[in-house]
PDB file of N, CA and C in Angstrom:
ATOM      1  N   UNK A   1      11.040  -9.002   1.387  1.00  0.00           N
ATOM      2  CA  UNK A   1       9.794  -9.409   1.988  1.00  0.00           C
ATOM      3  C   UNK A   1       8.785  -9.631   0.869  1.00  0.00           C
ATOM      4  N   UNK A   2       8.003 -10.676   0.999  1.00  0.00           N
ATOM      5  CA  UNK A   2       6.974 -10.969   0.014  1.00  0.00           C
ATOM      6  C   UNK A   2       5.659 -10.352   0.459  1.00  0.00           C
ATOM      7  N   UNK A   3       5.073  -9.558  -0.452  1.00  0.00           N
ATOM      8  CA  UNK A   3       3.800  -8.892  -0.193  1.00  0.00           C
ATOM      9  C   UNK A   3       2.855  -9.162  -1.354  1.00  0.00           C
ATOM     10  N   UNK A   4       1.577  -9.103  -1.081  1.00  0.00           N
ATOM     11  CA  UNK A   4       0.570  -9.226  -2.131  1.00  0.00           C
ATOM     12  C   UNK A   4      -0.069  -7.848  -2.273  1.00  0.00           C
ATOM     13  N   UNK A   5       0.173  -7.209  -3.419  1.00  0.00           N
ATOM     14  CA  UNK A   5      -0.310  -5.855  -3.657  1.00  0.00           C
ATOM     15  C   UNK A   5      -1.327  -5.902  -4.790  1.00  0.00           C
ATOM     16  N   UNK A   6      -2.549  -5.519  -4.467  1.00  0.00           N
ATOM     17  CA  UNK A   6      -3.638  -5.545  -5.442  1.00  0.00           C
ATOM     18  C   UNK A   6      -3.730  -6.898  -6.146  1.00  0.00           C
ATOM     19  N   UNK A   7      -3.558  -7.961  -5.371  1.00  0.00           N
ATOM     20  CA  UNK A   7      -3.709  -9.315  -5.883  1.00  0.00           C
ATOM     21  C   UNK A   7      -2.492  -9.905  -6.563  1.00  0.00           C
ATOM     22  N   UNK A   8      -1.397  -9.154  -6.651  1.00  0.00           N
ATOM     23  CA  UNK A   8      -0.190  -9.637  -7.312  1.00  0.00           C
ATOM     24  C   UNK A   8       0.952  -9.772  -6.310  1.00  0.00           C
ATOM     25  N   UNK A   9       1.729 -10.843  -6.433  1.00  0.00           N
ATOM     26  CA  UNK A   9       2.889 -11.057  -5.564  1.00  0.00           C
ATOM     27  C   UNK A   9       4.013 -10.096  -5.916  1.00  0.00           C
ATOM     28  N   UNK A  10       4.641  -9.547  -4.880  1.00  0.00           N
ATOM     29  CA  UNK A  10       5.789  -8.654  -5.041  1.00  0.00           C
ATOM     30  C   UNK A  10       6.833  -9.027  -4.004  1.00  0.00           C
ATOM     31  N   UNK A  11       8.099  -8.935  -4.390  1.00  0.00           N
ATOM     32  CA  UNK A  11       9.207  -9.106  -3.451  1.00  0.00           C
ATOM     33  C   UNK A  11       9.816  -7.722  -3.263  1.00  0.00           C
ATOM     34  N   UNK A  12       9.544  -7.113  -2.113  1.00  0.00           N
ATOM     35  CA  UNK A  12       9.860  -5.700  -1.902  1.00  0.00           C
ATOM     36  C   UNK A  12      10.577  -5.524  -0.570  1.00  0.00           C
ATOM     37  N   UNK A  13      11.529  -4.605  -0.540  1.00  0.00           N
ATOM     38  CA  UNK A  13      12.304  -4.360   0.673  1.00  0.00           C
ATOM     39  C   UNK A  13      11.669  -3.309   1.577  1.00  0.00           C
ATOM     40  N   UNK A  14      10.580  -2.694   1.173  1.00  0.00           N
ATOM     41  CA  UNK A  14       9.937  -1.644   1.973  1.00  0.00           C
ATOM     42  C   UNK A  14       9.515  -2.182   3.329  1.00  0.00           C
ATOM     43  N   UNK A  15       9.742  -1.366   4.355  1.00  0.00           N
ATOM     44  CA  UNK A  15       9.374  -1.757   5.715  1.00  0.00           C
ATOM     45  C   UNK A  15       8.036  -1.172   6.157  1.00  0.00           C
ATOM     46  N   UNK A  16       7.683  -0.005   5.606  1.00  0.00           N
ATOM     47  CA  UNK A  16       6.427   0.641   5.999  1.00  0.00           C
ATOM     48  C   UNK A  16       5.528   0.811   4.777  1.00  0.00           C
ATOM     49  N   UNK A  17       4.263   1.087   5.053  1.00  0.00           N
ATOM     50  CA  UNK A  17       3.316   1.294   3.958  1.00  0.00           C
ATOM     51  C   UNK A  17       3.704   2.520   3.138  1.00  0.00           C
ATOM     52  N   UNK A  18       4.170   3.571   3.775  1.00  0.00           N
ATOM     53  CA  UNK A  18       4.593   4.766   3.046  1.00  0.00           C
ATOM     54  C   UNK A  18       5.756   4.453   2.103  1.00  0.00           C
ATOM     55  N   UNK A  19       6.738   3.674   2.566  1.00  0.00           N
ATOM     56  CA  UNK A  19       7.872   3.281   1.716  1.00  0.00           C
ATOM     57  C   UNK A  19       7.391   2.440   0.534  1.00  0.00           C
ATOM     58  N   UNK A  20       6.446   1.553   0.776  1.00  0.00           N
ATOM     59  CA  UNK A  20       5.907   0.716  -0.296  1.00  0.00           C
ATOM     60  C   UNK A  20       5.261   1.575  -1.372  1.00  0.00           C
ATOM     61  N   UNK A  21       4.451   2.538  -0.968  1.00  0.00           N
ATOM     62  CA  UNK A  21       3.793   3.414  -1.938  1.00  0.00           C
ATOM     63  C   UNK A  21       4.815   4.156  -2.784  1.00  0.00           C
ATOM     64  N   UNK A  22       5.877   4.651  -2.165  1.00  0.00           N
ATOM     65  CA  UNK A  22       6.929   5.340  -2.916  1.00  0.00           C
ATOM     66  C   UNK A  22       7.630   4.392  -3.887  1.00  0.00           C
ATOM     67  N   UNK A  23       7.931   3.188  -3.431  1.00  0.00           N
ATOM     68  CA  UNK A  23       8.653   2.245  -4.292  1.00  0.00           C
ATOM     69  C   UNK A  23       7.821   1.799  -5.487  1.00  0.00           C
ATOM     70  N   UNK A  24       6.506   1.840  -5.354  1.00  0.00           N
ATOM     71  CA  UNK A  24       5.616   1.455  -6.459  1.00  0.00           C
ATOM     72  C   UNK A  24       5.116   2.665  -7.243  1.00  0.00           C
ATOM     73  N   UNK A  25       5.687   3.836  -6.967  1.00  0.00           N
ATOM     74  CA  UNK A  25       5.363   5.093  -7.662  1.00  0.00           C
ATOM     75  C   UNK A  25       3.921   5.548  -7.470  1.00  0.00           C
ATOM     76  N   UNK A  26       3.344   5.271  -6.314  1.00  0.00           N
ATOM     77  CA  UNK A  26       2.035   5.824  -5.980  1.00  0.00           C
ATOM     78  C   UNK A  26       2.285   7.127  -5.241  1.00  0.00           C
ATOM     79  N   UNK A  27       1.675   8.192  -5.711  1.00  0.00           N
ATOM     80  CA  UNK A  27       1.851   9.494  -5.093  1.00  0.00           C
ATOM     81  C   UNK A  27       0.500  10.142  -4.877  1.00  0.00           C
ATOM     82  N   UNK A  28       0.447  11.048  -3.941  1.00  0.00           N
ATOM     83  CA  UNK A  28      -0.761  11.828  -3.712  1.00  0.00           C
ATOM     84  C   UNK A  28      -1.463  11.446  -2.427  1.00  0.00           C
ATOM     85  N   UNK A  29      -2.182  12.391  -1.903  1.00  0.00           N
ATOM     86  CA  UNK A  29      -2.911  12.179  -0.661  1.00  0.00           C
ATOM     87  C   UNK A  29      -4.273  11.556  -0.902  1.00  0.00           C
ATOM     88  N   UNK A  30      -4.656  11.363  -2.142  1.00  0.00           N
ATOM     89  CA  UNK A  30      -5.986  10.889  -2.484  1.00  0.00           C
ATOM     90  C   UNK A  30      -6.071   9.371  -2.582  1.00  0.00           C
ATOM     91  N   UNK A  31      -5.016   8.667  -2.258  1.00  0.00           N
ATOM     92  CA  UNK A  31      -5.033   7.202  -2.305  1.00  0.00           C
ATOM     93  C   UNK A  31      -5.785   6.632  -1.110  1.00  0.00           C
ATOM     94  N   UNK A  32      -6.437   5.509  -1.332  1.00  0.00           N
ATOM     95  CA  UNK A  32      -7.021   4.744  -0.226  1.00  0.00           C
ATOM     96  C   UNK A  32      -6.190   3.479  -0.084  1.00  0.00           C
ATOM     97  N   UNK A  33      -5.840   3.133   1.152  1.00  0.00           N
ATOM     98  CA  UNK A  33      -5.012   1.947   1.375  1.00  0.00           C
ATOM     99  C   UNK A  33      -5.627   1.061   2.454  1.00  0.00           C
ATOM    100  N   UNK A  34      -5.423  -0.235   2.267  1.00  0.00           N
ATOM    101  CA  UNK A  34      -5.856  -1.216   3.266  1.00  0.00           C
ATOM    102  C   UNK A  34      -4.795  -2.301   3.346  1.00  0.00           C
ATOM    103  N   UNK A  35      -4.578  -2.813   4.549  1.00  0.00           N
ATOM    104  CA  UNK A  35      -3.660  -3.929   4.762  1.00  0.00           C
ATOM    105  C   UNK A  35      -4.434  -5.025   5.472  1.00  0.00           C
ATOM    106  N   UNK A  36      -4.451  -6.191   4.852  1.00  0.00           N
ATOM    107  CA  UNK A  36      -5.178  -7.344   5.389  1.00  0.00           C
ATOM    108  C   UNK A  36      -6.629  -7.003   5.706  1.00  0.00           C
ATOM    109  N   UNK A  37      -7.234  -6.210   4.822  1.00  0.00           N
ATOM    110  CA  UNK A  37      -8.647  -5.882   4.952  1.00  0.00           C
ATOM    111  C   UNK A  37      -8.971  -4.738   5.884  1.00  0.00           C
ATOM    112  N   UNK A  38      -7.963  -4.133   6.494  1.00  0.00           N
ATOM    113  CA  UNK A  38      -8.180  -3.018   7.425  1.00  0.00           C
ATOM    114  C   UNK A  38      -7.681  -1.720   6.790  1.00  0.00           C
ATOM    115  N   UNK A  39      -8.529  -0.704   6.779  1.00  0.00           N
ATOM    116  CA  UNK A  39      -8.157   0.599   6.225  1.00  0.00           C
ATOM    117  C   UNK A  39      -6.977   1.174   7.004  1.00  0.00           C
ATOM    118  N   UNK A  40      -6.007   1.720   6.265  1.00  0.00           N
ATOM    119  CA  UNK A  40      -4.886   2.433   6.890  1.00  0.00           C
ATOM    120  C   UNK A  40      -4.976   3.879   6.408  1.00  0.00           C
ATOM    121  N   UNK A  41      -5.233   4.780   7.331  1.00  0.00           N
ATOM    122  CA  UNK A  41      -5.397   6.192   6.996  1.00  0.00           C
ATOM    123  C   UNK A  41      -4.068   6.819   6.606  1.00  0.00           C
ATOM    124  N   UNK A  42      -4.161   7.838   5.794  1.00  0.00           N
ATOM    125  CA  UNK A  42      -2.990   8.542   5.260  1.00  0.00           C
ATOM    126  C   UNK A  42      -2.000   8.924   6.362  1.00  0.00           C
ATOM    127  N   UNK A  43      -2.489   9.448   7.463  1.00  0.00           N
ATOM    128  CA  UNK A  43      -1.610   9.901   8.542  1.00  0.00           C
ATOM    129  C   UNK A  43      -0.883   8.756   9.240  1.00  0.00           C
ATOM    130  N   UNK A  44      -1.337   7.527   9.056  1.00  0.00           N
ATOM    131  CA  UNK A  44      -0.741   6.372   9.730  1.00  0.00           C
ATOM    132  C   UNK A  44       0.241   5.586   8.856  1.00  0.00           C
ATOM    133  N   UNK A  45       0.362   5.937   7.599  1.00  0.00           N
ATOM    134  CA  UNK A  45       1.170   5.140   6.657  1.00  0.00           C
ATOM    135  C   UNK A  45       2.662   5.144   6.979  1.00  0.00           C
ATOM    136  N   UNK A  46       3.198   6.271   7.464  1.00  0.00           N
ATOM    137  CA  UNK A  46       4.636   6.337   7.776  1.00  0.00           C
ATOM    138  C   UNK A  46       5.021   5.372   8.888  1.00  0.00           C
ATOM    139  N   UNK A  47       4.136   5.169   9.833  1.00  0.00           N
ATOM    140  CA  UNK A  47       4.436   4.318  10.990  1.00  0.00           C
ATOM    141  C   UNK A  47       3.897   2.904  10.848  1.00  0.00           C
ATOM    142  N   UNK A  48       3.149   2.623   9.777  1.00  0.00           N
ATOM    143  CA  UNK A  48       2.542   1.304   9.626  1.00  0.00           C
ATOM    144  C   UNK A  48       3.578   0.310   9.088  1.00  0.00           C
ATOM    145  N   UNK A  49       4.039  -0.585   9.935  1.00  0.00           N
ATOM    146  CA  UNK A  49       5.067  -1.559   9.572  1.00  0.00           C
ATOM    147  C   UNK A  49       4.424  -2.759   8.885  1.00  0.00           C
ATOM    148  N   UNK A  50       5.003  -3.129   7.753  1.00  0.00           N
ATOM    149  CA  UNK A  50       4.502  -4.268   6.981  1.00  0.00           C
ATOM    150  C   UNK A  50       5.162  -5.561   7.441  1.00  0.00           C
ATOM    151  N   UNK A  51       4.449  -6.662   7.246  1.00  0.00           N
ATOM    152  CA  UNK A  51       4.956  -7.992   7.575  1.00  0.00           C
ATOM    153  C   UNK A  51       4.911  -8.875   6.337  1.00  0.00           C
ATOM    154  N   UNK A  52       5.767  -9.865   6.309  1.00  0.00           N
ATOM    155  CA  UNK A  52       5.815 -10.809   5.201  1.00  0.00           C
ATOM    156  C   UNK A  52       4.423 -11.386   4.937  1.00  0.00           C
ATOM    157  N   UNK A  53       4.044 -11.421   3.667  1.00  0.00           N
ATOM    158  CA  UNK A  53       2.771 -11.976   3.181  1.00  0.00           C
ATOM    159  C   UNK A  53       1.555 -11.109   3.489  1.00  0.00           C
ATOM    160  N   UNK A  54       1.755  -9.854   3.900  1.00  0.00           N
ATOM    161  CA  UNK A  54       0.624  -8.945   4.055  1.00  0.00           C
ATOM    162  C   UNK A  54      -0.058  -8.758   2.706  1.00  0.00           C
ATOM    163  N   UNK A  55      -1.367  -8.528   2.762  1.00  0.00           N
ATOM    164  CA  UNK A  55      -2.164  -8.243   1.572  1.00  0.00           C
ATOM    165  C   UNK A  55      -2.501  -6.760   1.583  1.00  0.00           C
ATOM    166  N   UNK A  56      -1.984  -6.034   0.596  1.00  0.00           N
ATOM    167  CA  UNK A  56      -2.179  -4.598   0.526  1.00  0.00           C
ATOM    168  C   UNK A  56      -3.062  -4.272  -0.671  1.00  0.00           C
ATOM    169  N   UNK A  57      -4.052  -3.439  -0.426  1.00  0.00           N
ATOM    170  CA  UNK A  57      -4.900  -2.927  -1.502  1.00  0.00           C
ATOM    171  C   UNK A  57      -4.662  -1.425  -1.591  1.00  0.00           C
ATOM    172  N   UNK A  58      -4.397  -0.958  -2.822  1.00  0.00           N
ATOM    173  CA  UNK A  58      -4.179   0.458  -3.079  1.00  0.00           C
ATOM    174  C   UNK A  58      -5.195   0.878  -4.123  1.00  0.00           C
ATOM    175  N   UNK A  59      -6.023   1.836  -3.757  1.00  0.00           N
ATOM    176  CA  UNK A  59      -7.067   2.311  -4.655  1.00  0.00           C
ATOM    177  C   UNK A  59      -6.830   3.773  -4.967  1.00  0.00           C
ATOM    178  N   UNK A  60      -6.995   4.113  -6.229  1.00  0.00           N
ATOM    179  CA  UNK A  60      -6.865   5.514  -6.624  1.00  0.00           C
ATOM    180  C   UNK A  60      -8.071   5.862  -7.497  1.00  0.00           C
ATOM    181  N   UNK A  61      -8.502   7.119  -7.457  1.00  0.00           N
ATOM    182  CA  UNK A  61      -9.661   7.525  -8.264  1.00  0.00           C
ATOM    183  C   UNK A  61      -9.334   7.439  -9.745  1.00  0.00           C
ATOM    184  N   UNK A  62     -10.368   7.158 -10.517  1.00  0.00           N
ATOM    185  CA  UNK A  62     -10.213   7.062 -11.974  1.00  0.00           C
ATOM    186  C   UNK A  62     -10.982   8.201 -12.627  1.00  0.00           C
ATOM    187  N   UNK A  63     -10.447   8.680 -13.733  1.00  0.00           N
ATOM    188  CA  UNK A  63     -11.147   9.703 -14.495  1.00  0.00           C
ATOM    189  C   UNK A  63     -11.959   9.043 -15.574  1.00  0.00           C
ATOM    190  N   UNK A  64     -12.912   9.744 -16.054  1.00  0.00           N
ATOM    191  CA  UNK A  64     -13.739   9.206 -17.135  1.00  0.00           C
ATOM    192  C   UNK A  64     -15.189   9.133 -16.729  1.00  0.00           C
ATOM    193  N   UNK A  65     -15.966   8.579 -17.610  1.00  0.00           N
ATOM    194  CA  UNK A  65     -17.384   8.563 -17.282  1.00  0.00           C
ATOM    195  C   UNK A  65     -18.123   7.453 -17.843  1.00  0.00           C
TER     196      UNK A  65
END
């Protein structure tokens, strides 16, 4: 399936948002995720089914100042 993750094209076999995060090595409960401009809460990621050409944004906090 073709997905756009943080503005970059990816060809990924993940079916759910949770699987996608694992396949891209994103870990932790502190991530913010959105699909096609809609926030997807942490508790909903396991059941959130992805579709071809979905646009996924993954945000993580940065350290520094």
